[in-house]
Amino acid sequence: PPPAVMAVRLLRELLRELRILRPGPGPRYRETAAYQLLAAQFRRHRVTSEKLCRAQHELYHQASTYLCLLQSVRQHLALHQEYHSKGERSTRDVAQLVGLKLPQQPGGKGWEK
């Protein structure tokens, strides 16, 4: 795809991550400093008629790195919340968490179900 299309796609993905980070009340994501900085940077580094625009490629690389950071932080928080926020767990819960099942206790003398 042309560089302009890739830049627009990247900007949309970055803005999506910013919206996800601002779920609660307060200022809208468009009023945040991060949004305003991203929009200003993308406006300043629009694709020109030059064949090779180093600033455009540099901005694209920095923006894709920042997008990777935002996505990784979001995924890390989701995993942390799922696996570490429950406190003490039983042996059965931990086994199920990693996809294992505990062996069944045999019935009979001395063993209760």
N, C-alpha and C. Protein backbone atom coordinates (compact mmCIF):
# COMPACT_ATOMS: atom_id res chain seq x y z
N PRO A 1 0.83 -1.20 0.00
CA PRO A 1 0.00 0.00 0.00
C PRO A 1 0.88 1.26 0.00
N PRO A 2 0.35 2.33 -0.51
CA PRO A 2 1.09 3.59 -0.51
C PRO A 2 1.37 4.05 0.91
N PRO A 3 2.42 4.84 1.10
CA PRO A 3 2.77 5.30 2.45
C PRO A 3 1.65 6.07 3.14
N ALA A 4 0.88 6.83 2.38
CA ALA A 4 -0.21 7.60 2.99
C ALA A 4 -1.26 6.67 3.58
N VAL A 5 -1.57 5.59 2.88
CA VAL A 5 -2.57 4.63 3.37
C VAL A 5 -2.06 3.94 4.63
N MET A 6 -0.79 3.57 4.62
CA MET A 6 -0.20 2.92 5.80
C MET A 6 -0.19 3.87 6.99
N ALA A 7 0.09 5.14 6.74
CA ALA A 7 0.12 6.12 7.83
C ALA A 7 -1.27 6.32 8.42
N VAL A 8 -2.29 6.38 7.57
CA VAL A 8 -3.66 6.55 8.06
C VAL A 8 -4.08 5.33 8.87
N ARG A 9 -3.74 4.14 8.38
CA ARG A 9 -4.07 2.91 9.09
C ARG A 9 -3.40 2.89 10.47
N LEU A 10 -2.13 3.29 10.50
CA LEU A 10 -1.39 3.31 11.76
C LEU A 10 -1.99 4.33 12.72
N LEU A 11 -2.34 5.50 12.22
CA LEU A 11 -2.95 6.53 13.06
C LEU A 11 -4.27 6.03 13.64
N ARG A 12 -5.07 5.36 12.83
CA ARG A 12 -6.35 4.83 13.33
C ARG A 12 -6.14 3.79 14.42
N GLU A 13 -5.15 2.94 14.25
CA GLU A 13 -4.87 1.93 15.28
C GLU A 13 -4.39 2.58 16.57
N LEU A 14 -3.57 3.61 16.45
CA LEU A 14 -3.11 4.34 17.64
C LEU A 14 -4.29 5.00 18.36
N LEU A 15 -5.17 5.62 17.61
CA LEU A 15 -6.33 6.28 18.22
C LEU A 15 -7.27 5.26 18.86
N ARG A 16 -7.36 4.08 18.26
CA ARG A 16 -8.18 3.02 18.86
C ARG A 16 -7.61 2.63 20.22
N GLU A 17 -6.29 2.49 20.32
CA GLU A 17 -5.68 2.15 21.60
C GLU A 17 -5.89 3.26 22.62
N LEU A 18 -5.84 4.51 22.18
CA LEU A 18 -6.09 5.62 23.11
C LEU A 18 -7.53 5.59 23.62
N ARG A 19 -8.48 5.26 22.74
CA ARG A 19 -9.88 5.15 23.19
C ARG A 19 -10.03 4.04 24.21
N ILE A 20 -9.34 2.91 24.01
CA ILE A 20 -9.43 1.79 24.95
C ILE A 20 -8.86 2.19 26.30
N LEU A 21 -7.81 3.00 26.30
CA LEU A 21 -7.19 3.41 27.56
C LEU A 21 -8.03 4.40 28.35
N ARG A 22 -9.00 5.06 27.73
CA ARG A 22 -9.82 6.07 28.39
C ARG A 22 -11.26 5.60 28.55
N PRO A 23 -11.52 4.50 29.29
CA PRO A 23 -12.88 3.98 29.35
C PRO A 23 -13.81 4.76 30.27
N GLY A 24 -13.27 5.40 31.29
CA GLY A 24 -14.11 6.01 32.31
C GLY A 24 -14.50 7.44 31.99
N PRO A 25 -15.15 8.07 32.96
CA PRO A 25 -15.53 9.46 32.78
C PRO A 25 -14.30 10.36 32.78
N GLY A 26 -14.53 11.58 32.41
CA GLY A 26 -13.42 12.53 32.33
C GLY A 26 -13.32 13.07 30.93
N PRO A 27 -12.21 13.70 30.64
CA PRO A 27 -12.09 14.27 29.30
C PRO A 27 -12.07 13.19 28.24
N ARG A 28 -12.66 13.50 27.10
CA ARG A 28 -12.67 12.54 26.00
C ARG A 28 -11.26 12.33 25.51
N TYR A 29 -11.05 11.24 24.79
CA TYR A 29 -9.70 10.91 24.36
C TYR A 29 -9.15 11.96 23.39
N ARG A 30 -10.03 12.66 22.68
CA ARG A 30 -9.58 13.70 21.74
C ARG A 30 -9.05 14.93 22.47
N GLU A 31 -9.37 15.05 23.73
CA GLU A 31 -8.91 16.19 24.51
C GLU A 31 -7.62 15.89 25.28
N THR A 32 -7.11 14.67 25.15
CA THR A 32 -5.89 14.30 25.87
C THR A 32 -4.66 14.83 25.14
N ALA A 33 -3.59 14.99 25.88
CA ALA A 33 -2.34 15.47 25.30
C ALA A 33 -1.77 14.46 24.31
N ALA A 34 -1.96 13.18 24.57
CA ALA A 34 -1.44 12.15 23.67
C ALA A 34 -2.11 12.25 22.30
N TYR A 35 -3.42 12.44 22.28
CA TYR A 35 -4.14 12.56 21.01
C TYR A 35 -3.68 13.79 20.25
N GLN A 36 -3.59 14.90 20.95
CA GLN A 36 -3.19 16.14 20.28
C GLN A 36 -1.77 16.07 19.74
N LEU A 37 -0.87 15.42 20.48
CA LEU A 37 0.50 15.26 20.00
C LEU A 37 0.56 14.36 18.77
N LEU A 38 -0.16 13.24 18.81
CA LEU A 38 -0.18 12.34 17.65
C LEU A 38 -0.75 13.03 16.42
N ALA A 39 -1.85 13.72 16.59
CA ALA A 39 -2.47 14.40 15.44
C ALA A 39 -1.53 15.47 14.88
N ALA A 40 -0.89 16.22 15.74
CA ALA A 40 0.03 17.26 15.26
C ALA A 40 1.23 16.66 14.53
N GLN A 41 1.77 15.56 15.06
CA GLN A 41 2.92 14.92 14.43
C GLN A 41 2.54 14.35 13.06
N PHE A 42 1.39 13.71 12.97
CA PHE A 42 0.99 13.14 11.69
C PHE A 42 0.67 14.24 10.67
N ARG A 43 0.11 15.37 11.13
CA ARG A 43 -0.15 16.48 10.21
C ARG A 43 1.16 17.09 9.72
N ARG A 44 2.12 17.21 10.61
CA ARG A 44 3.39 17.85 10.26
C ARG A 44 4.19 16.99 9.29
N HIS A 45 4.07 15.68 9.39
CA HIS A 45 4.88 14.78 8.56
C HIS A 45 4.06 14.11 7.46
N ARG A 46 3.17 14.85 6.85
CA ARG A 46 2.41 14.29 5.74
C ARG A 46 3.34 13.92 4.60
N VAL A 47 2.89 12.99 3.80
CA VAL A 47 3.68 12.57 2.65
C VAL A 47 3.77 13.73 1.66
N THR A 48 4.99 14.02 1.22
CA THR A 48 5.20 15.09 0.26
C THR A 48 5.40 14.48 -1.13
N SER A 49 5.69 15.32 -2.09
CA SER A 49 5.90 14.83 -3.45
C SER A 49 7.31 14.26 -3.63
N GLU A 50 8.15 14.34 -2.60
CA GLU A 50 9.49 13.79 -2.69
C GLU A 50 9.43 12.27 -2.80
N LYS A 51 10.44 11.69 -3.44
CA LYS A 51 10.47 10.23 -3.54
C LYS A 51 10.83 9.59 -2.22
N LEU A 52 11.78 10.16 -1.50
CA LEU A 52 12.21 9.59 -0.23
C LEU A 52 12.14 10.67 0.82
N CYS A 53 11.30 10.47 1.78
CA CYS A 53 11.13 11.45 2.85
C CYS A 53 11.54 10.76 4.15
N ARG A 54 12.74 11.03 4.59
CA ARG A 54 13.27 10.35 5.77
C ARG A 54 12.41 10.62 7.01
N ALA A 55 11.94 11.84 7.17
CA ALA A 55 11.13 12.17 8.35
C ALA A 55 9.84 11.36 8.37
N GLN A 56 9.25 11.14 7.20
CA GLN A 56 8.02 10.36 7.14
C GLN A 56 8.27 8.92 7.58
N HIS A 57 9.36 8.32 7.09
CA HIS A 57 9.66 6.95 7.48
C HIS A 57 10.04 6.85 8.95
N GLU A 58 10.73 7.84 9.43
CA GLU A 58 11.10 7.86 10.85
C GLU A 58 9.86 7.97 11.73
N LEU A 59 8.94 8.85 11.34
CA LEU A 59 7.70 8.99 12.09
C LEU A 59 6.91 7.69 12.07
N TYR A 60 6.84 7.05 10.91
CA TYR A 60 6.10 5.79 10.80
C TYR A 60 6.70 4.74 11.73
N HIS A 61 8.01 4.66 11.77
CA HIS A 61 8.68 3.69 12.65
C HIS A 61 8.40 4.01 14.12
N GLN A 62 8.51 5.26 14.51
CA GLN A 62 8.25 5.64 15.90
C GLN A 62 6.80 5.37 16.27
N ALA A 63 5.89 5.69 15.36
CA ALA A 63 4.47 5.48 15.64
C ALA A 63 4.15 3.99 15.75
N SER A 64 4.73 3.16 14.89
CA SER A 64 4.46 1.73 14.98
C SER A 64 5.07 1.14 16.25
N THR A 65 6.20 1.67 16.68
CA THR A 65 6.79 1.23 17.95
C THR A 65 5.90 1.62 19.13
N TYR A 66 5.35 2.83 19.09
CA TYR A 66 4.45 3.29 20.15
C TYR A 66 3.17 2.47 20.16
N LEU A 67 2.66 2.12 18.98
CA LEU A 67 1.46 1.27 18.90
C LEU A 67 1.74 -0.09 19.52
N CYS A 68 2.89 -0.65 19.22
CA CYS A 68 3.27 -1.94 19.81
C CYS A 68 3.33 -1.84 21.33
N LEU A 69 3.87 -0.74 21.84
CA LEU A 69 3.94 -0.53 23.28
C LEU A 69 2.54 -0.47 23.89
N LEU A 70 1.65 0.32 23.29
CA LEU A 70 0.29 0.45 23.82
C LEU A 70 -0.44 -0.89 23.82
N GLN A 71 -0.33 -1.64 22.74
CA GLN A 71 -0.99 -2.94 22.67
C GLN A 71 -0.40 -3.91 23.68
N SER A 72 0.90 -3.89 23.85
CA SER A 72 1.56 -4.80 24.80
C SER A 72 1.16 -4.48 26.23
N VAL A 73 1.08 -3.20 26.56
CA VAL A 73 0.67 -2.81 27.91
C VAL A 73 -0.76 -3.24 28.18
N ARG A 74 -1.64 -3.05 27.19
CA ARG A 74 -3.04 -3.46 27.36
C ARG A 74 -3.15 -4.97 27.56
N GLN A 75 -2.43 -5.74 26.76
CA GLN A 75 -2.46 -7.19 26.89
C GLN A 75 -1.85 -7.64 28.21
N HIS A 76 -0.78 -6.98 28.64
CA HIS A 76 -0.16 -7.32 29.92
C HIS A 76 -1.13 -7.08 31.07
N LEU A 77 -1.82 -5.95 31.05
CA LEU A 77 -2.78 -5.67 32.11
C LEU A 77 -3.91 -6.69 32.13
N ALA A 78 -4.38 -7.10 30.96
CA ALA A 78 -5.45 -8.10 30.90
C ALA A 78 -4.97 -9.44 31.46
N LEU A 79 -3.77 -9.86 31.08
CA LEU A 79 -3.23 -11.12 31.61
C LEU A 79 -2.97 -11.04 33.11
N HIS A 80 -2.44 -9.91 33.56
CA HIS A 80 -2.17 -9.74 34.99
C HIS A 80 -3.47 -9.80 35.79
N GLN A 81 -4.49 -9.15 35.26
CA GLN A 81 -5.77 -9.15 35.97
C GLN A 81 -6.37 -10.55 36.01
N GLU A 82 -6.22 -11.31 34.95
CA GLU A 82 -6.80 -12.65 34.92
C GLU A 82 -6.07 -13.62 35.83
N TYR A 83 -4.75 -13.56 35.85
CA TYR A 83 -3.98 -14.58 36.56
C TYR A 83 -3.51 -14.18 37.95
N HIS A 84 -3.47 -12.89 38.27
CA HIS A 84 -2.93 -12.49 39.57
C HIS A 84 -3.90 -11.74 40.46
N SER A 85 -5.10 -11.50 40.03
CA SER A 85 -5.99 -10.68 40.83
C SER A 85 -6.94 -11.47 41.71
N LYS A 86 -6.85 -12.77 41.72
CA LYS A 86 -7.82 -13.57 42.44
C LYS A 86 -7.39 -13.94 43.86
N GLY A 87 -6.17 -13.66 44.24
CA GLY A 87 -5.70 -14.02 45.58
C GLY A 87 -5.35 -15.49 45.65
N GLU A 88 -5.58 -16.10 46.80
CA GLU A 88 -5.27 -17.52 46.99
C GLU A 88 -6.22 -18.38 46.18
N ARG A 89 -5.67 -19.42 45.58
CA ARG A 89 -6.48 -20.35 44.79
C ARG A 89 -6.25 -21.77 45.30
N SER A 90 -7.25 -22.59 45.09
CA SER A 90 -7.11 -24.00 45.47
C SER A 90 -6.25 -24.72 44.43
N THR A 91 -5.82 -25.91 44.78
CA THR A 91 -5.01 -26.71 43.87
C THR A 91 -5.81 -27.03 42.61
N ARG A 92 -7.08 -27.31 42.76
CA ARG A 92 -7.94 -27.61 41.62
C ARG A 92 -8.05 -26.40 40.68
N ASP A 93 -8.21 -25.18 41.25
CA ASP A 93 -8.31 -23.98 40.43
C ASP A 93 -7.01 -23.72 39.65
N VAL A 94 -5.87 -23.92 40.30
CA VAL A 94 -4.58 -23.71 39.64
C VAL A 94 -4.39 -24.72 38.52
N ALA A 95 -4.77 -25.96 38.76
CA ALA A 95 -4.65 -26.99 37.73
C ALA A 95 -5.53 -26.65 36.53
N GLN A 96 -6.75 -26.21 36.78
CA GLN A 96 -7.64 -25.84 35.69
C GLN A 96 -7.13 -24.61 34.94
N LEU A 97 -6.45 -23.72 35.65
CA LEU A 97 -5.91 -22.51 35.05
C LEU A 97 -4.89 -22.83 33.97
N VAL A 98 -4.10 -23.87 34.17
CA VAL A 98 -3.10 -24.25 33.18
C VAL A 98 -3.57 -25.40 32.29
N GLY A 99 -4.84 -25.78 32.40
CA GLY A 99 -5.40 -26.78 31.49
C GLY A 99 -5.24 -28.21 31.94
N LEU A 100 -5.03 -28.45 33.21
CA LEU A 100 -4.89 -29.81 33.72
C LEU A 100 -6.07 -30.16 34.61
N LYS A 101 -6.25 -31.46 34.83
CA LYS A 101 -7.28 -31.93 35.76
C LYS A 101 -6.60 -32.75 36.85
N LEU A 102 -7.08 -32.59 38.06
CA LEU A 102 -6.56 -33.40 39.15
C LEU A 102 -7.10 -34.82 39.04
N PRO A 103 -6.32 -35.81 39.44
CA PRO A 103 -6.83 -37.18 39.39
C PRO A 103 -7.98 -37.36 40.39
N GLN A 104 -8.90 -38.22 40.03
CA GLN A 104 -10.03 -38.51 40.91
C GLN A 104 -9.57 -39.41 42.04
N GLN A 105 -10.09 -39.15 43.21
CA GLN A 105 -9.76 -39.99 44.37
C GLN A 105 -10.52 -41.31 44.24
N PRO A 106 -9.85 -42.43 44.47
CA PRO A 106 -10.56 -43.70 44.38
C PRO A 106 -11.57 -43.84 45.53
N GLY A 107 -12.68 -44.47 45.24
CA GLY A 107 -13.70 -44.68 46.26
C GLY A 107 -13.37 -45.89 47.11
N GLY A 108 -14.06 -46.04 48.19
CA GLY A 108 -13.83 -47.24 48.99
C GLY A 108 -13.31 -46.89 50.36
N LYS A 109 -12.58 -47.84 50.93
CA LYS A 109 -12.15 -47.78 52.32
C LYS A 109 -11.33 -46.52 52.63
N GLY A 110 -11.89 -45.70 53.50
CA GLY A 110 -11.18 -44.52 53.97
C GLY A 110 -11.27 -43.31 53.06
N TRP A 111 -11.78 -43.45 51.88
CA TRP A 111 -11.86 -42.33 50.95
C TRP A 111 -13.31 -41.92 50.80
N GLU A 112 -13.53 -40.62 50.85
CA GLU A 112 -14.89 -40.12 50.66
C GLU A 112 -14.92 -39.24 49.42
N LYS A 113 -16.06 -39.24 48.81
CA LYS A 113 -16.21 -38.41 47.61
C LYS A 113 -16.63 -37.03 47.96
